[in-house]
């Protein structure tokens, strides 16, 4: 990674599209075929843009773990390196801010895989270019790339710059 400073990159990924039927609980919902394909497109985008995460933190919900596993498989990262935290499921912004410092300080690129509305709220909370209104819509398999000079345990309102927001549906489908 060409990190000239202590700058950190937070990659926030909403899980891929998930199925609603045949599940006893929200926690156990799985990705649809479309959701899996969308996540694969995001992985290709990460590879092409040299955005390989140093650390992966995921909700323990089945669809989030599956999303993180697809990313790992596509990027050649051992899926056993995925760290899960129950705080990321049904989270508030403060829960996510409490979970993020699990990323070791020497790691500069964190991929956080989770759910709405908490991920949208986190992006709005962290973005310095946000109008203060909720304007960060994250449809399934949307990747937000933020940069900050703050350490992981020092994230606070408006401490990041938005680099990009990439919706899987706008990425080319390489299966064609």
C-alpha atoms as a PDB file:
ATOM      1  CA  UNK A   1       0.000   0.000   0.000  1.00  0.00           C
ATOM      2  CA  UNK A   2       1.398   3.418  -0.909  1.00  0.00           C
ATOM      3  CA  UNK A   3       0.543   5.175   2.333  1.00  0.00           C
ATOM      4  CA  UNK A   4       2.756   8.271   2.564  1.00  0.00           C
ATOM      5  CA  UNK A   5       1.188   9.469   5.809  1.00  0.00           C
ATOM      6  CA  UNK A   6      -0.679   8.009   8.737  1.00  0.00           C
ATOM      7  CA  UNK A   7      -3.824   8.385   6.708  1.00  0.00           C
ATOM      8  CA  UNK A   8      -6.395   5.674   7.242  1.00  0.00           C
ATOM      9  CA  UNK A   9      -9.001   4.429   4.821  1.00  0.00           C
ATOM     10  CA  UNK A  10     -12.391   3.174   5.948  1.00  0.00           C
ATOM     11  CA  UNK A  11     -14.218   1.083   3.385  1.00  0.00           C
ATOM     12  CA  UNK A  12     -17.862   0.671   4.368  1.00  0.00           C
ATOM     13  CA  UNK A  13     -19.799  -2.020   2.524  1.00  0.00           C
ATOM     14  CA  UNK A  14     -23.468  -2.767   2.909  1.00  0.00           C
ATOM     15  CA  UNK A  15     -24.120  -6.486   2.468  1.00  0.00           C
ATOM     16  CA  UNK A  16     -25.450  -7.699  -0.877  1.00  0.00           C
ATOM     17  CA  UNK A  17     -29.144  -8.112  -1.645  1.00  0.00           C
ATOM     18  CA  UNK A  18     -30.629 -10.694   0.654  1.00  0.00           C
ATOM     19  CA  UNK A  19     -33.614 -13.012   0.613  1.00  0.00           C
ATOM     20  CA  UNK A  20     -36.616 -12.312   2.814  1.00  0.00           C
ATOM     21  CA  UNK A  21     -38.520 -15.571   2.556  1.00  0.00           C
ATOM     22  CA  UNK A  22     -38.042 -18.908   4.327  1.00  0.00           C
ATOM     23  CA  UNK A  23     -36.041 -17.555   7.258  1.00  0.00           C
ATOM     24  CA  UNK A  24     -37.076 -17.701  10.870  1.00  0.00           C
ATOM     25  CA  UNK A  25     -35.002 -14.680  11.793  1.00  0.00           C
ATOM     26  CA  UNK A  26     -33.529 -11.598  10.149  1.00  0.00           C
ATOM     27  CA  UNK A  27     -30.112 -12.720  11.381  1.00  0.00           C
ATOM     28  CA  UNK A  28     -30.219 -15.889   9.236  1.00  0.00           C
ATOM     29  CA  UNK A  29     -31.171 -14.295   5.914  1.00  0.00           C
ATOM     30  CA  UNK A  30     -28.888 -15.246   3.007  1.00  0.00           C
ATOM     31  CA  UNK A  31     -27.726 -13.436  -0.099  1.00  0.00           C
ATOM     32  CA  UNK A  32     -29.688 -13.870  -3.293  1.00  0.00           C
ATOM     33  CA  UNK A  33     -27.890 -14.888  -6.483  1.00  0.00           C
ATOM     34  CA  UNK A  34     -28.132 -11.241  -7.590  1.00  0.00           C
ATOM     35  CA  UNK A  35     -26.650 -10.180  -4.254  1.00  0.00           C
ATOM     36  CA  UNK A  36     -23.720 -12.552  -4.665  1.00  0.00           C
ATOM     37  CA  UNK A  37     -23.017 -11.274  -8.178  1.00  0.00           C
ATOM     38  CA  UNK A  38     -23.149  -7.659  -6.981  1.00  0.00           C
ATOM     39  CA  UNK A  39     -20.642  -8.370  -4.217  1.00  0.00           C
ATOM     40  CA  UNK A  40     -18.328 -10.035  -6.753  1.00  0.00           C
ATOM     41  CA  UNK A  41     -18.467  -6.851  -8.853  1.00  0.00           C
ATOM     42  CA  UNK A  42     -17.509  -4.818  -5.774  1.00  0.00           C
ATOM     43  CA  UNK A  43     -14.574  -7.188  -5.163  1.00  0.00           C
ATOM     44  CA  UNK A  44     -13.368  -6.662  -8.742  1.00  0.00           C
ATOM     45  CA  UNK A  45     -13.655  -2.905  -8.189  1.00  0.00           C
ATOM     46  CA  UNK A  46     -11.569  -3.191  -5.002  1.00  0.00           C
ATOM     47  CA  UNK A  47      -8.922  -5.224  -6.873  1.00  0.00           C
ATOM     48  CA  UNK A  48      -8.805  -2.867  -9.858  1.00  0.00           C
ATOM     49  CA  UNK A  49      -8.463   0.189  -7.612  1.00  0.00           C
ATOM     50  CA  UNK A  50      -5.828  -1.343  -5.315  1.00  0.00           C
ATOM     51  CA  UNK A  51      -8.152  -1.142  -2.311  1.00  0.00           C
ATOM     52  CA  UNK A  52      -7.273  -4.433  -0.656  1.00  0.00           C
ATOM     53  CA  UNK A  53      -8.296  -4.224   3.019  1.00  0.00           C
ATOM     54  CA  UNK A  54      -5.749  -4.778   5.800  1.00  0.00           C
ATOM     55  CA  UNK A  55      -8.516  -5.741   8.240  1.00  0.00           C
ATOM     56  CA  UNK A  56     -12.104  -6.907   7.790  1.00  0.00           C
ATOM     57  CA  UNK A  57     -14.772  -6.327  10.426  1.00  0.00           C
ATOM     58  CA  UNK A  58     -18.232  -7.759   9.811  1.00  0.00           C
ATOM     59  CA  UNK A  59     -21.598  -8.126  11.391  1.00  0.00           C
ATOM     60  CA  UNK A  60     -22.076 -11.757  12.412  1.00  0.00           C
ATOM     61  CA  UNK A  61     -25.367 -11.927  10.462  1.00  0.00           C
ATOM     62  CA  UNK A  62     -25.297 -14.608   7.780  1.00  0.00           C
ATOM     63  CA  UNK A  63     -25.688 -12.219   4.822  1.00  0.00           C
ATOM     64  CA  UNK A  64     -22.873  -9.942   6.069  1.00  0.00           C
ATOM     65  CA  UNK A  65     -20.478 -12.854   6.666  1.00  0.00           C
ATOM     66  CA  UNK A  66     -21.314 -14.204   3.197  1.00  0.00           C
ATOM     67  CA  UNK A  67     -20.605 -10.754   1.711  1.00  0.00           C
ATOM     68  CA  UNK A  68     -17.247 -10.538   3.512  1.00  0.00           C
ATOM     69  CA  UNK A  69     -16.396 -14.113   2.486  1.00  0.00           C
ATOM     70  CA  UNK A  70     -17.067 -13.374  -1.200  1.00  0.00           C
ATOM     71  CA  UNK A  71     -14.796 -10.323  -0.971  1.00  0.00           C
ATOM     72  CA  UNK A  72     -12.062 -12.421   0.665  1.00  0.00           C
ATOM     73  CA  UNK A  73     -12.369 -15.244  -1.855  1.00  0.00           C
ATOM     74  CA  UNK A  74     -12.310 -12.831  -4.802  1.00  0.00           C
ATOM     75  CA  UNK A  75      -9.253 -10.977  -3.453  1.00  0.00           C
ATOM     76  CA  UNK A  76      -7.330 -14.063  -2.338  1.00  0.00           C
ATOM     77  CA  UNK A  77      -7.645 -13.213   1.366  1.00  0.00           C
ATOM     78  CA  UNK A  78      -8.145 -16.034   3.881  1.00  0.00           C
ATOM     79  CA  UNK A  79     -11.777 -15.764   5.026  1.00  0.00           C
ATOM     80  CA  UNK A  80     -10.673 -16.882   8.497  1.00  0.00           C
ATOM     81  CA  UNK A  81      -9.249 -13.369   8.926  1.00  0.00           C
ATOM     82  CA  UNK A  82     -12.759 -11.872   9.028  1.00  0.00           C
ATOM     83  CA  UNK A  83     -13.400 -10.438  12.477  1.00  0.00           C
ATOM     84  CA  UNK A  84     -17.032 -10.402  13.575  1.00  0.00           C
ATOM     85  CA  UNK A  85     -18.603  -8.242  16.236  1.00  0.00           C
ATOM     86  CA  UNK A  86     -22.180  -8.461  17.435  1.00  0.00           C
ATOM     87  CA  UNK A  87     -22.134  -4.661  17.882  1.00  0.00           C
ATOM     88  CA  UNK A  88     -22.224  -4.306  14.073  1.00  0.00           C
ATOM     89  CA  UNK A  89     -25.620  -6.059  13.842  1.00  0.00           C
ATOM     90  CA  UNK A  90     -28.618  -3.840  14.716  1.00  0.00           C
ATOM     91  CA  UNK A  91     -26.089  -1.123  15.468  1.00  0.00           C
ATOM     92  CA  UNK A  92     -26.291   2.512  16.307  1.00  0.00           C
ATOM     93  CA  UNK A  93     -23.474   4.834  15.225  1.00  0.00           C
ATOM     94  CA  UNK A  94     -21.939   4.634  18.707  1.00  0.00           C
ATOM     95  CA  UNK A  95     -21.895   0.816  18.483  1.00  0.00           C
ATOM     96  CA  UNK A  96     -20.005   0.973  15.191  1.00  0.00           C
ATOM     97  CA  UNK A  97     -17.572   3.538  16.593  1.00  0.00           C
ATOM     98  CA  UNK A  98     -16.966   1.163  19.520  1.00  0.00           C
ATOM     99  CA  UNK A  99     -16.338  -1.793  17.184  1.00  0.00           C
ATOM    100  CA  UNK A 100     -13.989  -0.080  14.687  1.00  0.00           C
ATOM    101  CA  UNK A 101     -11.029   0.260  17.127  1.00  0.00           C
ATOM    102  CA  UNK A 102     -10.636  -3.541  16.960  1.00  0.00           C
ATOM    103  CA  UNK A 103      -8.641  -2.747  13.848  1.00  0.00           C
ATOM    104  CA  UNK A 104      -4.985  -2.631  14.939  1.00  0.00           C
ATOM    105  CA  UNK A 105      -3.384   0.796  14.642  1.00  0.00           C
ATOM    106  CA  UNK A 106      -0.755  -0.492  12.195  1.00  0.00           C
ATOM    107  CA  UNK A 107      -3.565  -1.410   9.777  1.00  0.00           C
ATOM    108  CA  UNK A 108      -4.521   1.484   7.555  1.00  0.00           C
ATOM    109  CA  UNK A 109      -7.365   0.108   5.440  1.00  0.00           C
ATOM    110  CA  UNK A 110     -10.406  -1.307   7.211  1.00  0.00           C
ATOM    111  CA  UNK A 111     -13.373  -2.912   5.465  1.00  0.00           C
ATOM    112  CA  UNK A 112     -16.540  -2.722   7.581  1.00  0.00           C
ATOM    113  CA  UNK A 113     -19.385  -4.966   6.364  1.00  0.00           C
ATOM    114  CA  UNK A 114     -22.787  -4.316   7.864  1.00  0.00           C
ATOM    115  CA  UNK A 115     -26.351  -3.124   7.551  1.00  0.00           C
ATOM    116  CA  UNK A 116     -28.603  -0.137   7.080  1.00  0.00           C
ATOM    117  CA  UNK A 117     -29.638   2.195   8.503  1.00  0.00           C
ATOM    118  CA  UNK A 118     -26.554   2.190  10.743  1.00  0.00           C
ATOM    119  CA  UNK A 119     -24.006   2.290   7.900  1.00  0.00           C
ATOM    120  CA  UNK A 120     -25.732   5.274   6.261  1.00  0.00           C
ATOM    121  CA  UNK A 121     -25.828   7.033   9.620  1.00  0.00           C
ATOM    122  CA  UNK A 122     -22.128   6.287  10.193  1.00  0.00           C
ATOM    123  CA  UNK A 123     -21.171   7.704   6.802  1.00  0.00           C
ATOM    124  CA  UNK A 124     -23.186  10.867   7.445  1.00  0.00           C
ATOM    125  CA  UNK A 125     -21.654  11.177  10.929  1.00  0.00           C
ATOM    126  CA  UNK A 126     -18.062  10.816   9.683  1.00  0.00           C
ATOM    127  CA  UNK A 127     -18.197  12.808   6.430  1.00  0.00           C
ATOM    128  CA  UNK A 128     -16.841  16.338   6.614  1.00  0.00           C
ATOM    129  CA  UNK A 129     -18.556  17.190   3.326  1.00  0.00           C
ATOM    130  CA  UNK A 130     -21.994  16.099   4.532  1.00  0.00           C
ATOM    131  CA  UNK A 131     -24.644  18.765   4.773  1.00  0.00           C
ATOM    132  CA  UNK A 132     -25.684  17.363   8.123  1.00  0.00           C
ATOM    133  CA  UNK A 133     -28.700  15.824   6.467  1.00  0.00           C
ATOM    134  CA  UNK A 134     -29.056  12.122   5.747  1.00  0.00           C
ATOM    135  CA  UNK A 135     -27.746  12.022   2.177  1.00  0.00           C
ATOM    136  CA  UNK A 136     -25.711   8.818   1.958  1.00  0.00           C
ATOM    137  CA  UNK A 137     -28.100   6.230   0.534  1.00  0.00           C
ATOM    138  CA  UNK A 138     -26.479   2.799   0.592  1.00  0.00           C
ATOM    139  CA  UNK A 139     -28.402   0.312  -1.495  1.00  0.00           C
ATOM    140  CA  UNK A 140     -27.270  -3.327  -1.160  1.00  0.00           C
ATOM    141  CA  UNK A 141     -23.616  -3.890  -2.151  1.00  0.00           C
ATOM    142  CA  UNK A 142     -22.728  -0.201  -2.018  1.00  0.00           C
ATOM    143  CA  UNK A 143     -19.136   0.630  -1.091  1.00  0.00           C
ATOM    144  CA  UNK A 144     -18.174   3.910   0.565  1.00  0.00           C
ATOM    145  CA  UNK A 145     -14.502   4.888   0.640  1.00  0.00           C
ATOM    146  CA  UNK A 146     -13.556   7.408   3.350  1.00  0.00           C
ATOM    147  CA  UNK A 147     -10.131   8.766   4.347  1.00  0.00           C
ATOM    148  CA  UNK A 148      -9.044  10.215   7.668  1.00  0.00           C
ATOM    149  CA  UNK A 149      -5.907  11.258   9.515  1.00  0.00           C
ATOM    150  CA  UNK A 150      -7.481  10.110  12.789  1.00  0.00           C
ATOM    151  CA  UNK A 151      -6.611   6.839  14.453  1.00  0.00           C
ATOM    152  CA  UNK A 152      -9.327   4.175  14.615  1.00  0.00           C
ATOM    153  CA  UNK A 153     -10.284   4.976  18.207  1.00  0.00           C
ATOM    154  CA  UNK A 154     -10.425   8.711  17.476  1.00  0.00           C
ATOM    155  CA  UNK A 155     -13.162   8.812  14.873  1.00  0.00           C
ATOM    156  CA  UNK A 156     -15.506  11.720  15.475  1.00  0.00           C
ATOM    157  CA  UNK A 157     -18.065  13.795  13.565  1.00  0.00           C
ATOM    158  CA  UNK A 158     -16.833  15.189  10.249  1.00  0.00           C
ATOM    159  CA  UNK A 159     -13.335  13.666  10.541  1.00  0.00           C
ATOM    160  CA  UNK A 160     -13.276  11.944   7.133  1.00  0.00           C
ATOM    161  CA  UNK A 161     -13.262  12.917   3.499  1.00  0.00           C
ATOM    162  CA  UNK A 162     -15.445  11.031   1.059  1.00  0.00           C
ATOM    163  CA  UNK A 163     -13.263   9.533  -1.680  1.00  0.00           C
ATOM    164  CA  UNK A 164     -16.018   7.638  -3.468  1.00  0.00           C
ATOM    165  CA  UNK A 165     -19.389   5.985  -3.158  1.00  0.00           C
ATOM    166  CA  UNK A 166     -19.754   3.051  -5.532  1.00  0.00           C
ATOM    167  CA  UNK A 167     -23.018   1.204  -6.104  1.00  0.00           C
ATOM    168  CA  UNK A 168     -22.575  -2.358  -7.401  1.00  0.00           C
ATOM    169  CA  UNK A 169     -25.418  -1.824  -9.855  1.00  0.00           C
ATOM    170  CA  UNK A 170     -23.266   0.786 -11.653  1.00  0.00           C
ATOM    171  CA  UNK A 171     -20.291  -1.565 -12.035  1.00  0.00           C
ATOM    172  CA  UNK A 172     -19.806  -3.666 -15.158  1.00  0.00           C
ATOM    173  CA  UNK A 173     -20.935  -7.261 -14.903  1.00  0.00           C
ATOM    174  CA  UNK A 174     -17.893  -9.293 -15.936  1.00  0.00           C
ATOM    175  CA  UNK A 175     -19.967 -12.446 -16.342  1.00  0.00           C
ATOM    176  CA  UNK A 176     -21.371 -11.232 -19.660  1.00  0.00           C
END
